[in-house]
mmCIF file of all heavy atoms, coordinates in Angstrom:
data_MODEL
# 
_entry.id   MODEL 
# 
loop_
_atom_site.group_PDB 
_atom_site.id 
_atom_site.type_symbol 
_atom_site.label_atom_id 
_atom_site.label_alt_id 
_atom_site.label_comp_id 
_atom_site.label_asym_id 
_atom_site.label_entity_id 
_atom_site.label_seq_id 
_atom_site.pdbx_PDB_ins_code 
_atom_site.Cartn_x 
_atom_site.Cartn_y 
_atom_site.Cartn_z 
_atom_site.occupancy 
_atom_site.B_iso_or_equiv 
_atom_site.pdbx_formal_charge 
_atom_site.auth_seq_id 
_atom_site.auth_comp_id 
_atom_site.auth_asym_id 
_atom_site.auth_atom_id 
_atom_site.pdbx_PDB_model_num 
ATOM 1   N N   . VAL A 1 1  ? 158.985 -177.916 132.966 1.00 0.00 ? 1  VAL A N   1 
ATOM 2   C CA  . VAL A 1 1  ? 159.503 -178.826 131.927 1.00 0.00 ? 1  VAL A CA  1 
ATOM 3   C C   . VAL A 1 1  ? 158.371 -179.708 131.386 1.00 0.00 ? 1  VAL A C   1 
ATOM 4   O O   . VAL A 1 1  ? 158.249 -179.916 130.177 1.00 0.00 ? 1  VAL A O   1 
ATOM 5   C CB  . VAL A 1 1  ? 160.663 -179.697 132.462 1.00 0.00 ? 1  VAL A CB  1 
ATOM 6   C CG1 . VAL A 1 1  ? 160.977 -180.853 131.504 1.00 0.00 ? 1  VAL A CG1 1 
ATOM 7   C CG2 . VAL A 1 1  ? 161.919 -178.852 132.673 1.00 0.00 ? 1  VAL A CG2 1 
ATOM 8   N N   . LEU A 1 2  ? 157.524 -180.217 132.289 1.00 0.00 ? 2  LEU A N   1 
ATOM 9   C CA  . LEU A 1 2  ? 156.396 -181.051 131.837 1.00 0.00 ? 2  LEU A CA  1 
ATOM 10  C C   . LEU A 1 2  ? 155.522 -180.271 130.854 1.00 0.00 ? 2  LEU A C   1 
ATOM 11  O O   . LEU A 1 2  ? 155.075 -180.804 129.837 1.00 0.00 ? 2  LEU A O   1 
ATOM 12  C CB  . LEU A 1 2  ? 155.556 -181.504 133.035 1.00 0.00 ? 2  LEU A CB  1 
ATOM 13  C CG  . LEU A 1 2  ? 156.155 -182.594 133.928 1.00 0.00 ? 2  LEU A CG  1 
ATOM 14  C CD1 . LEU A 1 2  ? 155.243 -182.842 135.126 1.00 0.00 ? 2  LEU A CD1 1 
ATOM 15  C CD2 . LEU A 1 2  ? 156.386 -183.889 133.154 1.00 0.00 ? 2  LEU A CD2 1 
ATOM 16  N N   . GLN A 1 3  ? 155.293 -178.997 131.148 1.00 0.00 ? 3  GLN A N   1 
ATOM 17  C CA  . GLN A 1 3  ? 154.435 -178.181 130.284 1.00 0.00 ? 3  GLN A CA  1 
ATOM 18  C C   . GLN A 1 3  ? 155.131 -177.808 128.977 1.00 0.00 ? 3  GLN A C   1 
ATOM 19  O O   . GLN A 1 3  ? 154.497 -177.742 127.927 1.00 0.00 ? 3  GLN A O   1 
ATOM 20  C CB  . GLN A 1 3  ? 154.006 -176.912 131.034 1.00 0.00 ? 3  GLN A CB  1 
ATOM 21  C CG  . GLN A 1 3  ? 153.100 -177.215 132.217 1.00 0.00 ? 3  GLN A CG  1 
ATOM 22  C CD  . GLN A 1 3  ? 152.762 -175.975 133.027 1.00 0.00 ? 3  GLN A CD  1 
ATOM 23  O OE1 . GLN A 1 3  ? 153.550 -175.035 133.093 1.00 0.00 ? 3  GLN A OE1 1 
ATOM 24  N NE2 . GLN A 1 3  ? 151.602 -175.979 133.653 1.00 0.00 ? 3  GLN A NE2 1 
ATOM 25  N N   . LYS A 1 4  ? 156.438 -177.578 129.029 1.00 0.00 ? 4  LYS A N   1 
ATOM 26  C CA  . LYS A 1 4  ? 157.172 -177.157 127.824 1.00 0.00 ? 4  LYS A CA  1 
ATOM 27  C C   . LYS A 1 4  ? 157.537 -178.349 126.931 1.00 0.00 ? 4  LYS A C   1 
ATOM 28  O O   . LYS A 1 4  ? 157.546 -178.229 125.712 1.00 0.00 ? 4  LYS A O   1 
ATOM 29  C CB  . LYS A 1 4  ? 158.475 -176.437 128.213 1.00 0.00 ? 4  LYS A CB  1 
ATOM 30  C CG  . LYS A 1 4  ? 158.273 -175.201 129.064 1.00 0.00 ? 4  LYS A CG  1 
ATOM 31  C CD  . LYS A 1 4  ? 157.938 -173.987 128.240 1.00 0.00 ? 4  LYS A CD  1 
ATOM 32  C CE  . LYS A 1 4  ? 157.982 -172.732 129.119 1.00 0.00 ? 4  LYS A CE  1 
ATOM 33  N NZ  . LYS A 1 4  ? 157.534 -171.533 128.393 1.00 0.00 ? 4  LYS A NZ  1 
ATOM 34  N N   . GLU A 1 5  ? 157.844 -179.486 127.552 1.00 0.00 ? 5  GLU A N   1 
ATOM 35  C CA  . GLU A 1 5  ? 158.389 -180.603 126.774 1.00 0.00 ? 5  GLU A CA  1 
ATOM 36  C C   . GLU A 1 5  ? 157.404 -181.749 126.568 1.00 0.00 ? 5  GLU A C   1 
ATOM 37  O O   . GLU A 1 5  ? 157.613 -182.592 125.698 1.00 0.00 ? 5  GLU A O   1 
ATOM 38  C CB  . GLU A 1 5  ? 159.672 -181.130 127.455 1.00 0.00 ? 5  GLU A CB  1 
ATOM 39  C CG  . GLU A 1 5  ? 160.782 -180.083 127.526 1.00 0.00 ? 5  GLU A CG  1 
ATOM 40  C CD  . GLU A 1 5  ? 162.054 -180.588 128.195 1.00 0.00 ? 5  GLU A CD  1 
ATOM 41  O OE1 . GLU A 1 5  ? 162.163 -181.812 128.449 1.00 0.00 ? 5  GLU A OE1 1 
ATOM 42  O OE2 . GLU A 1 5  ? 162.944 -179.755 128.470 1.00 0.00 ? 5  GLU A OE2 1 
ATOM 43  N N   . ILE A 1 6  ? 156.333 -181.805 127.372 1.00 0.00 ? 6  ILE A N   1 
ATOM 44  C CA  . ILE A 1 6  ? 155.370 -182.911 127.251 1.00 0.00 ? 6  ILE A CA  1 
ATOM 45  C C   . ILE A 1 6  ? 154.036 -182.412 126.706 1.00 0.00 ? 6  ILE A C   1 
ATOM 46  O O   . ILE A 1 6  ? 153.580 -182.861 125.658 1.00 0.00 ? 6  ILE A O   1 
ATOM 47  C CB  . ILE A 1 6  ? 155.150 -183.628 128.612 1.00 0.00 ? 6  ILE A CB  1 
ATOM 48  C CG1 . ILE A 1 6  ? 156.483 -184.124 129.194 1.00 0.00 ? 6  ILE A CG1 1 
ATOM 49  C CG2 . ILE A 1 6  ? 154.163 -184.784 128.457 1.00 0.00 ? 6  ILE A CG2 1 
ATOM 50  C CD1 . ILE A 1 6  ? 157.234 -185.161 128.368 1.00 0.00 ? 6  ILE A CD1 1 
ATOM 51  N N   . HIS A 1 7  ? 153.393 -181.479 127.416 1.00 0.00 ? 7  HIS A N   1 
ATOM 52  C CA  . HIS A 1 7  ? 152.112 -180.954 126.939 1.00 0.00 ? 7  HIS A CA  1 
ATOM 53  C C   . HIS A 1 7  ? 151.851 -179.575 127.537 1.00 0.00 ? 7  HIS A C   1 
ATOM 54  O O   . HIS A 1 7  ? 151.858 -179.420 128.759 1.00 0.00 ? 7  HIS A O   1 
ATOM 55  C CB  . HIS A 1 7  ? 150.964 -181.901 127.300 1.00 0.00 ? 7  HIS A CB  1 
ATOM 56  C CG  . HIS A 1 7  ? 149.737 -181.671 126.465 1.00 0.00 ? 7  HIS A CG  1 
ATOM 57  N ND1 . HIS A 1 7  ? 148.958 -180.540 126.591 1.00 0.00 ? 7  HIS A ND1 1 
ATOM 58  C CD2 . HIS A 1 7  ? 149.182 -182.403 125.472 1.00 0.00 ? 7  HIS A CD2 1 
ATOM 59  C CE1 . HIS A 1 7  ? 147.968 -180.588 125.713 1.00 0.00 ? 7  HIS A CE1 1 
ATOM 60  N NE2 . HIS A 1 7  ? 148.073 -181.706 125.018 1.00 0.00 ? 7  HIS A NE2 1 
ATOM 61  N N   . PRO A 1 8  ? 151.576 -178.562 126.696 1.00 0.00 ? 8  PRO A N   1 
ATOM 62  C CA  . PRO A 1 8  ? 151.432 -177.194 127.215 1.00 0.00 ? 8  PRO A CA  1 
ATOM 63  C C   . PRO A 1 8  ? 150.222 -176.999 128.128 1.00 0.00 ? 8  PRO A C   1 
ATOM 64  O O   . PRO A 1 8  ? 150.179 -176.057 128.923 1.00 0.00 ? 8  PRO A O   1 
ATOM 65  C CB  . PRO A 1 8  ? 151.291 -176.340 125.942 1.00 0.00 ? 8  PRO A CB  1 
ATOM 66  C CG  . PRO A 1 8  ? 150.894 -177.291 124.861 1.00 0.00 ? 8  PRO A CG  1 
ATOM 67  C CD  . PRO A 1 8  ? 151.488 -178.612 125.230 1.00 0.00 ? 8  PRO A CD  1 
ATOM 68  N N   . LYS A 1 9  ? 149.227 -177.881 128.027 1.00 0.00 ? 9  LYS A N   1 
ATOM 69  C CA  . LYS A 1 9  ? 147.992 -177.698 128.816 1.00 0.00 ? 9  LYS A CA  1 
ATOM 70  C C   . LYS A 1 9  ? 148.000 -178.529 130.113 1.00 0.00 ? 9  LYS A C   1 
ATOM 71  O O   . LYS A 1 9  ? 146.985 -178.627 130.800 1.00 0.00 ? 9  LYS A O   1 
ATOM 72  C CB  . LYS A 1 9  ? 146.769 -178.081 127.981 1.00 0.00 ? 9  LYS A CB  1 
ATOM 73  C CG  . LYS A 1 9  ? 146.517 -177.158 126.779 1.00 0.00 ? 9  LYS A CG  1 
ATOM 74  C CD  . LYS A 1 9  ? 145.470 -176.119 127.134 1.00 0.00 ? 9  LYS A CD  1 
ATOM 75  C CE  . LYS A 1 9  ? 144.916 -175.307 125.988 1.00 0.00 ? 9  LYS A CE  1 
ATOM 76  N NZ  . LYS A 1 9  ? 145.815 -174.874 124.971 1.00 0.00 ? 9  LYS A NZ  1 
ATOM 77  N N   . LEU A 1 10 ? 149.133 -179.149 130.426 1.00 0.00 ? 10 LEU A N   1 
ATOM 78  C CA  . LEU A 1 10 ? 149.212 -180.006 131.622 1.00 0.00 ? 10 LEU A CA  1 
ATOM 79  C C   . LEU A 1 10 ? 149.065 -179.161 132.893 1.00 0.00 ? 10 LEU A C   1 
ATOM 80  O O   . LEU A 1 10 ? 149.771 -178.167 133.073 1.00 0.00 ? 10 LEU A O   1 
ATOM 81  C CB  . LEU A 1 10 ? 150.568 -180.719 131.635 1.00 0.00 ? 10 LEU A CB  1 
ATOM 82  C CG  . LEU A 1 10 ? 150.647 -182.089 132.290 1.00 0.00 ? 10 LEU A CG  1 
ATOM 83  C CD1 . LEU A 1 10 ? 149.820 -183.115 131.514 1.00 0.00 ? 10 LEU A CD1 1 
ATOM 84  C CD2 . LEU A 1 10 ? 152.099 -182.552 132.335 1.00 0.00 ? 10 LEU A CD2 1 
ATOM 85  N N   . LYS A 1 11 ? 148.128 -179.551 133.759 1.00 0.00 ? 11 LYS A N   1 
ATOM 86  C CA  . LYS A 1 11 ? 147.941 -178.845 135.039 1.00 0.00 ? 11 LYS A CA  1 
ATOM 87  C C   . LYS A 1 11 ? 148.698 -179.607 136.128 1.00 0.00 ? 11 LYS A C   1 
ATOM 88  O O   . LYS A 1 11 ? 148.448 -180.794 136.337 1.00 0.00 ? 11 LYS A O   1 
ATOM 89  C CB  . LYS A 1 11 ? 146.455 -178.760 135.379 1.00 0.00 ? 11 LYS A CB  1 
ATOM 90  C CG  . LYS A 1 11 ? 145.679 -177.863 134.422 1.00 0.00 ? 11 LYS A CG  1 
ATOM 91  C CD  . LYS A 1 11 ? 144.186 -177.984 134.641 1.00 0.00 ? 11 LYS A CD  1 
ATOM 92  C CE  . LYS A 1 11 ? 143.750 -177.254 135.900 1.00 0.00 ? 11 LYS A CE  1 
ATOM 93  N NZ  . LYS A 1 11 ? 142.273 -177.304 136.066 1.00 0.00 ? 11 LYS A NZ  1 
ATOM 94  N N   . VAL A 1 12 ? 149.603 -178.928 136.784 1.00 0.00 ? 12 VAL A N   1 
ATOM 95  C CA  . VAL A 1 12 ? 150.488 -179.573 137.760 1.00 0.00 ? 12 VAL A CA  1 
ATOM 96  C C   . VAL A 1 12 ? 150.194 -179.034 139.157 1.00 0.00 ? 12 VAL A C   1 
ATOM 97  O O   . VAL A 1 12 ? 150.027 -177.824 139.341 1.00 0.00 ? 12 VAL A O   1 
ATOM 98  C CB  . VAL A 1 12 ? 151.971 -179.325 137.405 1.00 0.00 ? 12 VAL A CB  1 
ATOM 99  C CG1 . VAL A 1 12 ? 152.895 -180.037 138.393 1.00 0.00 ? 12 VAL A CG1 1 
ATOM 100 C CG2 . VAL A 1 12 ? 152.279 -179.764 135.977 1.00 0.00 ? 12 VAL A CG2 1 
ATOM 101 N N   . ALA A 1 13 ? 150.134 -179.932 140.138 1.00 0.00 ? 13 ALA A N   1 
ATOM 102 C CA  . ALA A 1 13 ? 150.019 -179.522 141.542 1.00 0.00 ? 13 ALA A CA  1 
ATOM 103 C C   . ALA A 1 13 ? 151.322 -179.860 142.262 1.00 0.00 ? 13 ALA A C   1 
ATOM 104 O O   . ALA A 1 13 ? 151.853 -180.968 142.095 1.00 0.00 ? 13 ALA A O   1 
ATOM 105 C CB  . ALA A 1 13 ? 148.856 -180.233 142.217 1.00 0.00 ? 13 ALA A CB  1 
ATOM 106 N N   . ILE A 1 14 ? 151.829 -178.921 143.037 1.00 0.00 ? 14 ILE A N   1 
ATOM 107 C CA  . ILE A 1 14 ? 152.994 -179.179 143.890 1.00 0.00 ? 14 ILE A CA  1 
ATOM 108 C C   . ILE A 1 14 ? 152.484 -179.290 145.317 1.00 0.00 ? 14 ILE A C   1 
ATOM 109 O O   . ILE A 1 14 ? 151.945 -178.323 145.872 1.00 0.00 ? 14 ILE A O   1 
ATOM 110 C CB  . ILE A 1 14 ? 154.050 -178.071 143.736 1.00 0.00 ? 14 ILE A CB  1 
ATOM 111 C CG1 . ILE A 1 14 ? 154.572 -178.056 142.284 1.00 0.00 ? 14 ILE A CG1 1 
ATOM 112 C CG2 . ILE A 1 14 ? 155.194 -178.284 144.732 1.00 0.00 ? 14 ILE A CG2 1 
ATOM 113 C CD1 . ILE A 1 14 ? 155.529 -176.928 141.966 1.00 0.00 ? 14 ILE A CD1 1 
ATOM 114 N N   . VAL A 1 15 ? 152.591 -180.488 145.866 1.00 0.00 ? 15 VAL A N   1 
ATOM 115 C CA  . VAL A 1 15 ? 152.105 -180.769 147.225 1.00 0.00 ? 15 VAL A CA  1 
ATOM 116 C C   . VAL A 1 15 ? 153.334 -180.823 148.130 1.00 0.00 ? 15 VAL A C   1 
ATOM 117 O O   . VAL A 1 15 ? 154.093 -181.790 148.114 1.00 0.00 ? 15 VAL A O   1 
ATOM 118 C CB  . VAL A 1 15 ? 151.308 -182.093 147.261 1.00 0.00 ? 15 VAL A CB  1 
ATOM 119 C CG1 . VAL A 1 15 ? 150.894 -182.436 148.689 1.00 0.00 ? 15 VAL A CG1 1 
ATOM 120 C CG2 . VAL A 1 15 ? 150.076 -181.991 146.359 1.00 0.00 ? 15 VAL A CG2 1 
ATOM 121 N N   . ASP A 1 16 ? 153.534 -179.770 148.895 1.00 0.00 ? 16 ASP A N   1 
ATOM 122 C CA  . ASP A 1 16 ? 154.761 -179.594 149.663 1.00 0.00 ? 16 ASP A CA  1 
ATOM 123 C C   . ASP A 1 16 ? 154.491 -179.894 151.136 1.00 0.00 ? 16 ASP A C   1 
ATOM 124 O O   . ASP A 1 16 ? 153.875 -179.088 151.838 1.00 0.00 ? 16 ASP A O   1 
ATOM 125 C CB  . ASP A 1 16 ? 155.262 -178.164 149.471 1.00 0.00 ? 16 ASP A CB  1 
ATOM 126 C CG  . ASP A 1 16 ? 156.651 -177.940 150.056 1.00 0.00 ? 16 ASP A CG  1 
ATOM 127 O OD1 . ASP A 1 16 ? 157.066 -178.739 150.917 1.00 0.00 ? 16 ASP A OD1 1 
ATOM 128 O OD2 . ASP A 1 16 ? 157.313 -176.965 149.661 1.00 0.00 ? 16 ASP A OD2 1 
ATOM 129 N N   . LEU A 1 17 ? 154.969 -181.064 151.597 1.00 0.00 ? 17 LEU A N   1 
ATOM 130 C CA  . LEU A 1 17 ? 154.767 -181.462 152.995 1.00 0.00 ? 17 LEU A CA  1 
ATOM 131 C C   . LEU A 1 17 ? 156.079 -181.466 153.782 1.00 0.00 ? 17 LEU A C   1 
ATOM 132 O O   . LEU A 1 17 ? 156.188 -182.130 154.807 1.00 0.00 ? 17 LEU A O   1 
ATOM 133 C CB  . LEU A 1 17 ? 154.057 -182.819 153.067 1.00 0.00 ? 17 LEU A CB  1 
ATOM 134 C CG  . LEU A 1 17 ? 152.691 -182.886 152.354 1.00 0.00 ? 17 LEU A CG  1 
ATOM 135 C CD1 . LEU A 1 17 ? 152.003 -184.214 152.646 1.00 0.00 ? 17 LEU A CD1 1 
ATOM 136 C CD2 . LEU A 1 17 ? 151.781 -181.729 152.744 1.00 0.00 ? 17 LEU A CD2 1 
ATOM 137 N N   . ASP A 1 18 ? 157.057 -180.732 153.289 1.00 0.00 ? 18 ASP A N   1 
ATOM 138 C CA  . ASP A 1 18 ? 158.226 -180.411 154.106 1.00 0.00 ? 18 ASP A CA  1 
ATOM 139 C C   . ASP A 1 18 ? 157.724 -179.519 155.256 1.00 0.00 ? 18 ASP A C   1 
ATOM 140 O O   . ASP A 1 18 ? 156.732 -178.807 155.103 1.00 0.00 ? 18 ASP A O   1 
ATOM 141 C CB  . ASP A 1 18 ? 159.229 -179.652 153.237 1.00 0.00 ? 18 ASP A CB  1 
ATOM 142 C CG  . ASP A 1 18 ? 160.559 -179.395 153.909 1.00 0.00 ? 18 ASP A CG  1 
ATOM 143 O OD1 . ASP A 1 18 ? 160.643 -178.459 154.743 1.00 0.00 ? 18 ASP A OD1 1 
ATOM 144 O OD2 . ASP A 1 18 ? 161.519 -180.097 153.596 1.00 0.00 ? 18 ASP A OD2 1 
ATOM 145 N N   . VAL A 1 19 ? 158.402 -179.538 156.395 1.00 0.00 ? 19 VAL A N   1 
ATOM 146 C CA  . VAL A 1 19 ? 157.916 -178.771 157.547 1.00 0.00 ? 19 VAL A CA  1 
ATOM 147 C C   . VAL A 1 19 ? 158.108 -177.254 157.365 1.00 0.00 ? 19 VAL A C   1 
ATOM 148 O O   . VAL A 1 19 ? 157.497 -176.457 158.054 1.00 0.00 ? 19 VAL A O   1 
ATOM 149 C CB  . VAL A 1 19 ? 158.580 -179.252 158.858 1.00 0.00 ? 19 VAL A CB  1 
ATOM 150 C CG1 . VAL A 1 19 ? 159.950 -178.617 159.052 1.00 0.00 ? 19 VAL A CG1 1 
ATOM 151 C CG2 . VAL A 1 19 ? 157.687 -178.993 160.065 1.00 0.00 ? 19 VAL A CG2 1 
ATOM 152 N N   . HIS A 1 20 ? 158.955 -176.888 156.406 1.00 0.00 ? 20 HIS A N   1 
ATOM 153 C CA  . HIS A 1 20 ? 159.197 -175.468 156.132 1.00 0.00 ? 20 HIS A CA  1 
ATOM 154 C C   . HIS A 1 20 ? 158.399 -175.048 154.898 1.00 0.00 ? 20 HIS A C   1 
ATOM 155 O O   . HIS A 1 20 ? 158.315 -175.797 153.933 1.00 0.00 ? 20 HIS A O   1 
ATOM 156 C CB  . HIS A 1 20 ? 160.693 -175.229 155.891 1.00 0.00 ? 20 HIS A CB  1 
ATOM 157 C CG  . HIS A 1 20 ? 161.547 -175.698 157.022 1.00 0.00 ? 20 HIS A CG  1 
ATOM 158 N ND1 . HIS A 1 20 ? 162.317 -176.849 156.955 1.00 0.00 ? 20 HIS A ND1 1 
ATOM 159 C CD2 . HIS A 1 20 ? 161.717 -175.199 158.272 1.00 0.00 ? 20 HIS A CD2 1 
ATOM 160 C CE1 . HIS A 1 20 ? 162.943 -177.023 158.112 1.00 0.00 ? 20 HIS A CE1 1 
ATOM 161 N NE2 . HIS A 1 20 ? 162.594 -176.043 158.922 1.00 0.00 ? 20 HIS A NE2 1 
ATOM 162 N N   . GLN A 1 21 ? 157.837 -173.855 154.936 1.00 0.00 ? 21 GLN A N   1 
ATOM 163 C CA  . GLN A 1 21 ? 157.029 -173.411 153.804 1.00 0.00 ? 21 GLN A CA  1 
ATOM 164 C C   . GLN A 1 21 ? 157.855 -173.366 152.511 1.00 0.00 ? 21 GLN A C   1 
ATOM 165 O O   . GLN A 1 21 ? 159.027 -172.961 152.528 1.00 0.00 ? 21 GLN A O   1 
ATOM 166 C CB  . GLN A 1 21 ? 156.434 -172.019 154.052 1.00 0.00 ? 21 GLN A CB  1 
ATOM 167 C CG  . GLN A 1 21 ? 155.330 -171.694 153.041 1.00 0.00 ? 21 GLN A CG  1 
ATOM 168 C CD  . GLN A 1 21 ? 155.308 -170.239 152.574 1.00 0.00 ? 21 GLN A CD  1 
ATOM 169 O OE1 . GLN A 1 21 ? 156.307 -169.542 152.613 1.00 0.00 ? 21 GLN A OE1 1 
ATOM 170 N NE2 . GLN A 1 21 ? 154.151 -169.804 152.115 1.00 0.00 ? 21 GLN A NE2 1 
ATOM 171 N N   . GLY A 1 22 ? 157.223 -173.767 151.406 1.00 0.00 ? 22 GLY A N   1 
ATOM 172 C CA  . GLY A 1 22 ? 157.883 -173.711 150.099 1.00 0.00 ? 22 GLY A CA  1 
ATOM 173 C C   . GLY A 1 22 ? 157.842 -172.300 149.548 1.00 0.00 ? 22 GLY A C   1 
ATOM 174 O O   . GLY A 1 22 ? 157.170 -172.002 148.564 1.00 0.00 ? 22 GLY A O   1 
ATOM 175 N N   . ASN A 1 23 ? 158.597 -171.400 150.192 1.00 0.00 ? 23 ASN A N   1 
ATOM 176 C CA  . ASN A 1 23 ? 158.512 -169.968 149.864 1.00 0.00 ? 23 ASN A CA  1 
ATOM 177 C C   . ASN A 1 23 ? 159.013 -169.655 148.462 1.00 0.00 ? 23 ASN A C   1 
ATOM 178 O O   . ASN A 1 23 ? 158.405 -168.874 147.729 1.00 0.00 ? 23 ASN A O   1 
ATOM 179 C CB  . ASN A 1 23 ? 159.247 -169.123 150.920 1.00 0.00 ? 23 ASN A CB  1 
ATOM 180 C CG  . ASN A 1 23 ? 160.706 -169.521 151.103 1.00 0.00 ? 23 ASN A CG  1 
ATOM 181 O OD1 . ASN A 1 23 ? 161.102 -170.660 150.860 1.00 0.00 ? 23 ASN A OD1 1 
ATOM 182 N ND2 . ASN A 1 23 ? 161.517 -168.587 151.561 1.00 0.00 ? 23 ASN A ND2 1 
ATOM 183 N N   . GLY A 1 24 ? 160.125 -170.269 148.068 1.00 0.00 ? 24 GLY A N   1 
ATOM 184 C CA  . GLY A 1 24 ? 160.657 -170.025 146.730 1.00 0.00 ? 24 GLY A CA  1 
ATOM 185 C C   . GLY A 1 24 ? 159.699 -170.503 145.652 1.00 0.00 ? 24 GLY A C   1 
ATOM 186 O O   . GLY A 1 24 ? 159.459 -169.808 144.660 1.00 0.00 ? 24 GLY A O   1 
ATOM 187 N N   . THR A 1 25 ? 159.133 -171.687 145.860 1.00 0.00 ? 25 THR A N   1 
ATOM 188 C CA  . THR A 1 25 ? 158.176 -172.253 144.898 1.00 0.00 ? 25 THR A CA  1 
ATOM 189 C C   . THR A 1 25 ? 156.959 -171.340 144.762 1.00 0.00 ? 25 THR A C   1 
ATOM 190 O O   . THR A 1 25 ? 156.511 -171.037 143.650 1.00 0.00 ? 25 THR A O   1 
ATOM 191 C CB  . THR A 1 25 ? 157.714 -173.657 145.366 1.00 0.00 ? 25 THR A CB  1 
ATOM 192 O OG1 . THR A 1 25 ? 158.860 -174.431 145.733 1.00 0.00 ? 25 THR A OG1 1 
ATOM 193 C CG2 . THR A 1 25 ? 156.958 -174.380 144.278 1.00 0.00 ? 25 THR A CG2 1 
ATOM 194 N N   . ALA A 1 26 ? 156.415 -170.899 145.899 1.00 0.00 ? 26 ALA A N   1 
ATOM 195 C CA  . ALA A 1 26 ? 155.244 -170.016 145.886 1.00 0.00 ? 26 ALA A CA  1 
ATOM 196 C C   . ALA A 1 26 ? 155.550 -168.727 145.127 1.00 0.00 ? 26 ALA A C   1 
ATOM 197 O O   . ALA A 1 26 ? 154.739 -168.248 144.327 1.00 0.00 ? 26 ALA A O   1 
ATOM 198 C CB  . ALA A 1 26 ? 154.816 -169.698 147.313 1.00 0.00 ? 26 ALA A CB  1 
ATOM 199 N N   . SER A 1 27 ? 156.746 -168.176 145.363 1.00 0.00 ? 27 SER A N   1 
ATOM 200 C CA  . SER A 1 27 ? 157.134 -166.914 144.731 1.00 0.00 ? 27 SER A CA  1 
ATOM 201 C C   . SER A 1 27 ? 157.297 -167.076 143.213 1.00 0.00 ? 27 SER A C   1 
ATOM 202 O O   . SER A 1 27 ? 156.772 -166.274 142.433 1.00 0.00 ? 27 SER A O   1 
ATOM 203 C CB  . SER A 1 27 ? 158.433 -166.411 145.356 1.00 0.00 ? 27 SER A CB  1 
ATOM 204 O OG  . SER A 1 27 ? 158.917 -165.290 144.658 1.00 0.00 ? 27 SER A OG  1 
ATOM 205 N N   . ILE A 1 28 ? 158.004 -168.111 142.794 1.00 0.00 ? 28 ILE A N   1 
ATOM 206 C CA  . ILE A 1 28 ? 158.249 -168.329 141.358 1.00 0.00 ? 28 ILE A CA  1 
ATOM 207 C C   . ILE A 1 28 ? 156.933 -168.530 140.607 1.00 0.00 ? 28 ILE A C   1 
ATOM 208 O O   . ILE A 1 28 ? 156.758 -168.040 139.490 1.00 0.00 ? 28 ILE A O   1 
ATOM 209 C CB  . ILE A 1 28 ? 159.175 -169.549 141.137 1.00 0.00 ? 28 ILE A CB  1 
ATOM 210 C CG1 . ILE A 1 28 ? 160.599 -169.263 141.626 1.00 0.00 ? 28 ILE A CG1 1 
ATOM 211 C CG2 . ILE A 1 28 ? 159.205 -169.964 139.659 1.00 0.00 ? 28 ILE A CG2 1 
ATOM 212 C CD1 . ILE A 1 28 ? 161.508 -170.488 141.687 1.00 0.00 ? 28 ILE A CD1 1 
ATOM 213 N N   . LEU A 1 29 ? 155.991 -169.245 141.228 1.00 0.00 ? 29 LEU A N   1 
ATOM 214 C CA  . LEU A 1 29 ? 154.773 -169.670 140.520 1.00 0.00 ? 29 LEU A CA  1 
ATOM 215 C C   . LEU A 1 29 ? 153.534 -168.851 140.885 1.00 0.00 ? 29 LEU A C   1 
ATOM 216 O O   . LEU A 1 29 ? 152.422 -169.218 140.524 1.00 0.00 ? 29 LEU A O   1 
ATOM 217 C CB  . LEU A 1 29 ? 154.525 -171.159 140.808 1.00 0.00 ? 29 LEU A CB  1 
ATOM 218 C CG  . LEU A 1 29 ? 155.662 -172.093 140.370 1.00 0.00 ? 29 LEU A CG  1 
ATOM 219 C CD1 . LEU A 1 29 ? 155.420 -173.510 140.879 1.00 0.00 ? 29 LEU A CD1 1 
ATOM 220 C CD2 . LEU A 1 29 ? 155.834 -172.090 138.860 1.00 0.00 ? 29 LEU A CD2 1 
ATOM 221 N N   . GLN A 1 30 ? 153.726 -167.730 141.601 1.00 0.00 ? 30 GLN A N   1 
ATOM 222 C CA  . GLN A 1 30 ? 152.556 -167.040 142.178 1.00 0.00 ? 30 GLN A CA  1 
ATOM 223 C C   . GLN A 1 30 ? 151.566 -166.530 141.133 1.00 0.00 ? 30 GLN A C   1 
ATOM 224 O O   . GLN A 1 30 ? 150.376 -166.415 141.404 1.00 0.00 ? 30 GLN A O   1 
ATOM 225 C CB  . GLN A 1 30 ? 152.984 -165.911 143.109 1.00 0.00 ? 30 GLN A CB  1 
ATOM 226 C CG  . GLN A 1 30 ? 153.767 -164.798 142.439 1.00 0.00 ? 30 GLN A CG  1 
ATOM 227 C CD  . GLN A 1 30 ? 154.318 -163.804 143.444 1.00 0.00 ? 30 GLN A CD  1 
ATOM 228 O OE1 . GLN A 1 30 ? 153.970 -163.829 144.620 1.00 0.00 ? 30 GLN A OE1 1 
ATOM 229 N NE2 . GLN A 1 30 ? 155.187 -162.908 142.993 1.00 0.00 ? 30 GLN A NE2 1 
# 
């Protein structure tokens, strides 16, 4: 949404410190 609605060149980092791996996130954005 940030890239589509705010700025297309925005570089986003997802820092996932939940104890379980962010498997869905990794798969969607691989």
